[in-house]
Amino acid sequence: MNRFHTYWILVFGILLIAGAVVSFFEPFVGSWLFAAGTALAVGQAFVFALQNRTDDKRESRLLRLNFLATLFLVGATFMLFSNMSGWIVLVLIYAVIVFFLSFRGKKQK
């Protein structure tokens, strides 16, 4: 199952980057690519948070925070479809949160 999650993350990352870049040249196509990547990102965060229910409150909190961070992508998708330029800020906020969470992994014993 770990390999499946790795490919899932890879696919939504590629879709998000492609959608962001293509939206500057073809807003309609870029918006749909970004929306597909957002849907996969939200789904991945939700499934990962549900599958990793442990007694460790810290790890559960980090997974919930990751899920909540994907809501910034949902807002960015809405702004992208509405032709607002603020979607870039929401994607950057998402990137900073995920970057922070990437260093807050499992606690070393």
N, C-alpha and C. Protein backbone atom coordinates (compact mmCIF):
# COMPACT_ATOMS: atom_id res chain seq x y z
N MET A 1 0.80 -1.19 0.00
CA MET A 1 0.00 0.00 0.00
C MET A 1 0.86 1.27 0.00
N ASN A 2 2.08 1.17 0.53
CA ASN A 2 2.95 2.32 0.59
C ASN A 2 3.34 2.80 -0.81
N ARG A 3 3.58 1.87 -1.72
CA ARG A 3 3.94 2.24 -3.09
C ARG A 3 2.77 2.93 -3.79
N PHE A 4 1.55 2.47 -3.50
CA PHE A 4 0.36 3.09 -4.08
C PHE A 4 0.26 4.55 -3.65
N HIS A 5 0.50 4.84 -2.38
CA HIS A 5 0.46 6.22 -1.89
C HIS A 5 1.55 7.07 -2.54
N THR A 6 2.71 6.47 -2.77
CA THR A 6 3.80 7.20 -3.40
C THR A 6 3.41 7.63 -4.81
N TYR A 7 2.83 6.71 -5.58
CA TYR A 7 2.41 7.06 -6.94
C TYR A 7 1.26 8.05 -6.94
N TRP A 8 0.37 7.91 -5.96
CA TRP A 8 -0.76 8.83 -5.84
C TRP A 8 -0.24 10.26 -5.62
N ILE A 9 0.73 10.40 -4.71
CA ILE A 9 1.31 11.72 -4.44
C ILE A 9 2.04 12.25 -5.67
N LEU A 10 2.74 11.39 -6.36
CA LEU A 10 3.46 11.79 -7.57
C LEU A 10 2.49 12.30 -8.64
N VAL A 11 1.39 11.59 -8.84
CA VAL A 11 0.42 11.98 -9.87
C VAL A 11 -0.24 13.31 -9.52
N PHE A 12 -0.68 13.48 -8.26
CA PHE A 12 -1.34 14.76 -7.97
C PHE A 12 -0.35 15.91 -7.97
N GLY A 13 0.91 15.64 -7.63
CA GLY A 13 1.92 16.69 -7.71
C GLY A 13 2.17 17.14 -9.15
N ILE A 14 2.25 16.18 -10.04
CA ILE A 14 2.45 16.50 -11.46
C ILE A 14 1.25 17.26 -12.01
N LEU A 15 0.04 16.82 -11.64
CA LEU A 15 -1.16 17.52 -12.11
C LEU A 15 -1.23 18.94 -11.57
N LEU A 16 -0.86 19.14 -10.31
CA LEU A 16 -0.89 20.49 -9.75
C LEU A 16 0.12 21.40 -10.43
N ILE A 17 1.32 20.91 -10.62
CA ILE A 17 2.34 21.73 -11.28
C ILE A 17 1.96 22.01 -12.72
N ALA A 18 1.50 20.98 -13.43
CA ALA A 18 1.10 21.17 -14.83
C ALA A 18 -0.07 22.14 -14.93
N GLY A 19 -1.05 22.00 -14.04
CA GLY A 19 -2.20 22.90 -14.05
C GLY A 19 -1.81 24.32 -13.76
N ALA A 20 -0.89 24.53 -12.82
CA ALA A 20 -0.45 25.88 -12.50
C ALA A 20 0.30 26.52 -13.67
N VAL A 21 1.14 25.76 -14.33
CA VAL A 21 1.91 26.31 -15.45
C VAL A 21 1.02 26.53 -16.67
N VAL A 22 0.18 25.54 -16.98
CA VAL A 22 -0.67 25.64 -18.17
C VAL A 22 -1.71 26.75 -18.01
N SER A 23 -2.11 27.05 -16.78
CA SER A 23 -3.15 28.06 -16.57
C SER A 23 -2.70 29.45 -17.01
N PHE A 24 -1.41 29.68 -17.09
CA PHE A 24 -0.93 30.98 -17.58
C PHE A 24 -1.13 31.12 -19.08
N PHE A 25 -1.14 30.01 -19.81
CA PHE A 25 -1.26 30.05 -21.26
C PHE A 25 -2.66 29.67 -21.72
N GLU A 26 -3.24 28.64 -21.13
CA GLU A 26 -4.59 28.16 -21.44
C GLU A 26 -5.37 28.04 -20.13
N PRO A 27 -6.04 29.10 -19.70
CA PRO A 27 -6.69 29.07 -18.38
C PRO A 27 -7.74 27.96 -18.22
N PHE A 28 -8.46 27.64 -19.27
CA PHE A 28 -9.50 26.62 -19.16
C PHE A 28 -8.89 25.24 -18.90
N VAL A 29 -7.91 24.86 -19.69
CA VAL A 29 -7.26 23.55 -19.54
C VAL A 29 -6.49 23.49 -18.22
N GLY A 30 -5.78 24.56 -17.91
CA GLY A 30 -5.00 24.60 -16.67
C GLY A 30 -5.87 24.48 -15.43
N SER A 31 -7.04 25.10 -15.47
CA SER A 31 -7.96 25.02 -14.33
C SER A 31 -8.41 23.59 -14.08
N TRP A 32 -8.70 22.87 -15.15
CA TRP A 32 -9.17 21.49 -14.98
C TRP A 32 -8.05 20.56 -14.55
N LEU A 33 -6.84 20.79 -15.05
CA LEU A 33 -5.70 19.99 -14.59
C LEU A 33 -5.45 20.23 -13.10
N PHE A 34 -5.51 21.50 -12.71
CA PHE A 34 -5.30 21.84 -11.31
C PHE A 34 -6.41 21.27 -10.43
N ALA A 35 -7.64 21.30 -10.92
CA ALA A 35 -8.77 20.74 -10.16
C ALA A 35 -8.61 19.23 -9.99
N ALA A 36 -8.14 18.55 -11.02
CA ALA A 36 -7.92 17.10 -10.91
C ALA A 36 -6.83 16.80 -9.88
N GLY A 37 -5.75 17.58 -9.90
CA GLY A 37 -4.69 17.41 -8.91
C GLY A 37 -5.17 17.72 -7.50
N THR A 38 -6.02 18.73 -7.37
CA THR A 38 -6.57 19.08 -6.06
C THR A 38 -7.46 17.96 -5.53
N ALA A 39 -8.29 17.40 -6.39
CA ALA A 39 -9.17 16.31 -5.96
C ALA A 39 -8.35 15.11 -5.48
N LEU A 40 -7.28 14.79 -6.19
CA LEU A 40 -6.42 13.69 -5.77
C LEU A 40 -5.69 14.02 -4.47
N ALA A 41 -5.28 15.28 -4.30
CA ALA A 41 -4.58 15.68 -3.08
C ALA A 41 -5.51 15.59 -1.86
N VAL A 42 -6.73 16.07 -2.01
CA VAL A 42 -7.69 16.00 -0.91
C VAL A 42 -8.02 14.54 -0.59
N GLY A 43 -8.22 13.75 -1.62
CA GLY A 43 -8.50 12.33 -1.42
C GLY A 43 -7.35 11.62 -0.74
N GLN A 44 -6.13 11.91 -1.15
CA GLN A 44 -4.97 11.27 -0.55
C GLN A 44 -4.83 11.65 0.92
N ALA A 45 -4.98 12.92 1.23
CA ALA A 45 -4.84 13.37 2.62
C ALA A 45 -5.93 12.76 3.50
N PHE A 46 -7.14 12.66 2.96
CA PHE A 46 -8.24 12.09 3.72
C PHE A 46 -8.02 10.60 3.98
N VAL A 47 -7.67 9.86 2.93
CA VAL A 47 -7.46 8.42 3.06
C VAL A 47 -6.27 8.14 3.97
N PHE A 48 -5.20 8.89 3.81
CA PHE A 48 -4.01 8.67 4.63
C PHE A 48 -4.31 8.95 6.10
N ALA A 49 -5.10 9.99 6.38
CA ALA A 49 -5.46 10.31 7.76
C ALA A 49 -6.33 9.21 8.36
N LEU A 50 -7.20 8.61 7.56
CA LEU A 50 -8.07 7.55 8.07
C LEU A 50 -7.31 6.23 8.26
N GLN A 51 -6.37 5.93 7.38
CA GLN A 51 -5.65 4.67 7.47
C GLN A 51 -4.63 4.65 8.59
N ASN A 52 -4.14 5.78 8.98
CA ASN A 52 -3.07 5.84 9.98
C ASN A 52 -3.59 6.27 11.34
N ARG A 53 -4.65 5.65 11.78
CA ARG A 53 -5.15 5.94 13.12
C ARG A 53 -4.29 5.18 14.13
N THR A 54 -3.59 5.94 14.93
CA THR A 54 -2.72 5.35 15.93
C THR A 54 -2.99 5.99 17.29
N ASP A 55 -2.31 5.47 18.30
CA ASP A 55 -2.42 6.06 19.63
C ASP A 55 -1.57 7.32 19.76
N ASP A 56 -0.69 7.52 18.81
CA ASP A 56 0.18 8.69 18.85
C ASP A 56 -0.61 9.94 18.45
N LYS A 57 -0.92 10.77 19.42
CA LYS A 57 -1.73 11.98 19.17
C LYS A 57 -0.99 12.96 18.26
N ARG A 58 0.33 13.00 18.40
CA ARG A 58 1.12 13.93 17.60
C ARG A 58 1.01 13.60 16.11
N GLU A 59 1.18 12.34 15.78
CA GLU A 59 1.10 11.93 14.38
C GLU A 59 -0.30 12.13 13.82
N SER A 60 -1.31 11.83 14.60
CA SER A 60 -2.69 12.04 14.15
C SER A 60 -2.97 13.51 13.90
N ARG A 61 -2.43 14.36 14.77
CA ARG A 61 -2.63 15.81 14.60
C ARG A 61 -1.95 16.30 13.32
N LEU A 62 -0.76 15.80 13.03
CA LEU A 62 -0.06 16.21 11.82
C LEU A 62 -0.81 15.76 10.56
N LEU A 63 -1.39 14.58 10.60
CA LEU A 63 -2.16 14.10 9.44
C LEU A 63 -3.43 14.91 9.24
N ARG A 64 -4.07 15.30 10.35
CA ARG A 64 -5.27 16.16 10.22
C ARG A 64 -4.89 17.53 9.70
N LEU A 65 -3.76 18.05 10.14
CA LEU A 65 -3.30 19.34 9.65
C LEU A 65 -2.98 19.28 8.16
N ASN A 66 -2.42 18.18 7.73
CA ASN A 66 -2.16 17.99 6.30
C ASN A 66 -3.47 17.99 5.51
N PHE A 67 -4.49 17.34 6.06
CA PHE A 67 -5.78 17.35 5.38
C PHE A 67 -6.36 18.77 5.33
N LEU A 68 -6.26 19.49 6.42
CA LEU A 68 -6.78 20.86 6.43
C LEU A 68 -6.00 21.77 5.49
N ALA A 69 -4.71 21.48 5.31
CA ALA A 69 -3.91 22.29 4.39
C ALA A 69 -4.38 22.12 2.95
N THR A 70 -4.92 20.96 2.62
CA THR A 70 -5.41 20.77 1.26
C THR A 70 -6.62 21.66 0.96
N LEU A 71 -7.26 22.19 1.98
CA LEU A 71 -8.36 23.12 1.74
C LEU A 71 -7.87 24.41 1.09
N PHE A 72 -6.60 24.74 1.30
CA PHE A 72 -6.02 25.87 0.58
C PHE A 72 -5.99 25.59 -0.93
N LEU A 73 -5.75 24.34 -1.29
CA LEU A 73 -5.79 23.98 -2.72
C LEU A 73 -7.21 24.08 -3.27
N VAL A 74 -8.19 23.72 -2.46
CA VAL A 74 -9.59 23.85 -2.90
C VAL A 74 -9.92 25.31 -3.14
N GLY A 75 -9.49 26.17 -2.23
CA GLY A 75 -9.70 27.62 -2.42
C GLY A 75 -8.96 28.14 -3.64
N ALA A 76 -7.75 27.63 -3.87
CA ALA A 76 -6.98 28.05 -5.04
C ALA A 76 -7.66 27.61 -6.33
N THR A 77 -8.25 26.42 -6.30
CA THR A 77 -8.97 25.95 -7.49
C THR A 77 -10.18 26.83 -7.77
N PHE A 78 -10.91 27.20 -6.72
CA PHE A 78 -12.05 28.10 -6.90
C PHE A 78 -11.59 29.43 -7.49
N MET A 79 -10.50 29.98 -6.97
CA MET A 79 -10.00 31.26 -7.47
C MET A 79 -9.49 31.13 -8.90
N LEU A 80 -8.94 29.99 -9.24
CA LEU A 80 -8.44 29.76 -10.59
C LEU A 80 -9.59 29.73 -11.58
N PHE A 81 -10.69 29.07 -11.20
CA PHE A 81 -11.86 29.04 -12.08
C PHE A 81 -12.54 30.40 -12.15
N SER A 82 -12.40 31.22 -11.12
CA SER A 82 -13.02 32.54 -11.09
C SER A 82 -12.13 33.62 -11.71
N ASN A 83 -11.01 33.23 -12.27
CA ASN A 83 -10.06 34.14 -12.90
C ASN A 83 -9.53 35.21 -11.94
N MET A 84 -9.33 34.81 -10.68
CA MET A 84 -8.71 35.71 -9.71
C MET A 84 -7.22 35.35 -9.62
N SER A 85 -6.41 36.34 -9.35
CA SER A 85 -4.97 36.07 -9.30
C SER A 85 -4.49 35.65 -7.92
N GLY A 86 -5.34 35.65 -6.92
CA GLY A 86 -4.94 35.30 -5.57
C GLY A 86 -4.69 33.82 -5.34
N TRP A 87 -4.97 32.99 -6.33
CA TRP A 87 -4.78 31.55 -6.16
C TRP A 87 -3.32 31.21 -5.92
N ILE A 88 -2.43 32.03 -6.43
CA ILE A 88 -1.00 31.77 -6.27
C ILE A 88 -0.61 31.85 -4.79
N VAL A 89 -1.19 32.79 -4.07
CA VAL A 89 -0.89 32.94 -2.65
C VAL A 89 -1.35 31.70 -1.88
N LEU A 90 -2.54 31.20 -2.21
CA LEU A 90 -3.05 30.01 -1.52
C LEU A 90 -2.19 28.78 -1.80
N VAL A 91 -1.70 28.66 -3.00
CA VAL A 91 -0.81 27.53 -3.32
C VAL A 91 0.51 27.66 -2.55
N LEU A 92 1.01 28.88 -2.42
CA LEU A 92 2.24 29.08 -1.65
C LEU A 92 2.04 28.77 -0.17
N ILE A 93 0.88 29.15 0.39
CA ILE A 93 0.59 28.82 1.78
C ILE A 93 0.53 27.31 1.96
N TYR A 94 -0.13 26.62 1.02
CA TYR A 94 -0.18 25.15 1.07
C TYR A 94 1.23 24.57 1.02
N ALA A 95 2.06 25.10 0.13
CA ALA A 95 3.43 24.57 -0.01
C ALA A 95 4.23 24.77 1.26
N VAL A 96 4.08 25.92 1.90
CA VAL A 96 4.83 26.18 3.14
C VAL A 96 4.37 25.24 4.25
N ILE A 97 3.06 25.03 4.37
CA ILE A 97 2.55 24.13 5.41
C ILE A 97 3.03 22.70 5.18
N VAL A 98 2.94 22.23 3.95
CA VAL A 98 3.38 20.86 3.65
C VAL A 98 4.89 20.73 3.83
N PHE A 99 5.63 21.75 3.48
CA PHE A 99 7.08 21.73 3.69
C PHE A 99 7.39 21.63 5.18
N PHE A 100 6.68 22.40 6.00
CA PHE A 100 6.86 22.33 7.45
C PHE A 100 6.50 20.95 7.98
N LEU A 101 5.40 20.39 7.51
CA LEU A 101 4.95 19.07 7.98
C LEU A 101 5.90 17.95 7.55
N SER A 102 6.61 18.16 6.47
CA SER A 102 7.51 17.11 5.99
C SER A 102 8.66 16.88 6.96
N PHE A 103 9.01 17.88 7.75
CA PHE A 103 10.07 17.73 8.73
C PHE A 103 9.55 17.29 10.10
N ARG A 104 8.26 17.19 10.24
CA ARG A 104 7.66 16.84 11.51
C ARG A 104 7.15 15.41 11.49
N GLY A 105 7.89 14.51 10.89
CA GLY A 105 7.48 13.12 10.76
C GLY A 105 7.43 12.37 12.07
N LYS A 106 7.61 11.08 11.99
CA LYS A 106 7.54 10.25 13.18
C LYS A 106 8.66 10.62 14.15
N LYS A 107 8.31 10.58 15.41
CA LYS A 107 9.25 10.93 16.47
C LYS A 107 10.29 9.81 16.62
N GLN A 108 11.55 10.20 16.67
CA GLN A 108 12.64 9.24 16.85
C GLN A 108 12.70 8.78 18.31
N LYS A 109 12.89 7.49 18.54
CA LYS A 109 12.95 6.96 19.92
C LYS A 109 14.36 6.86 20.41
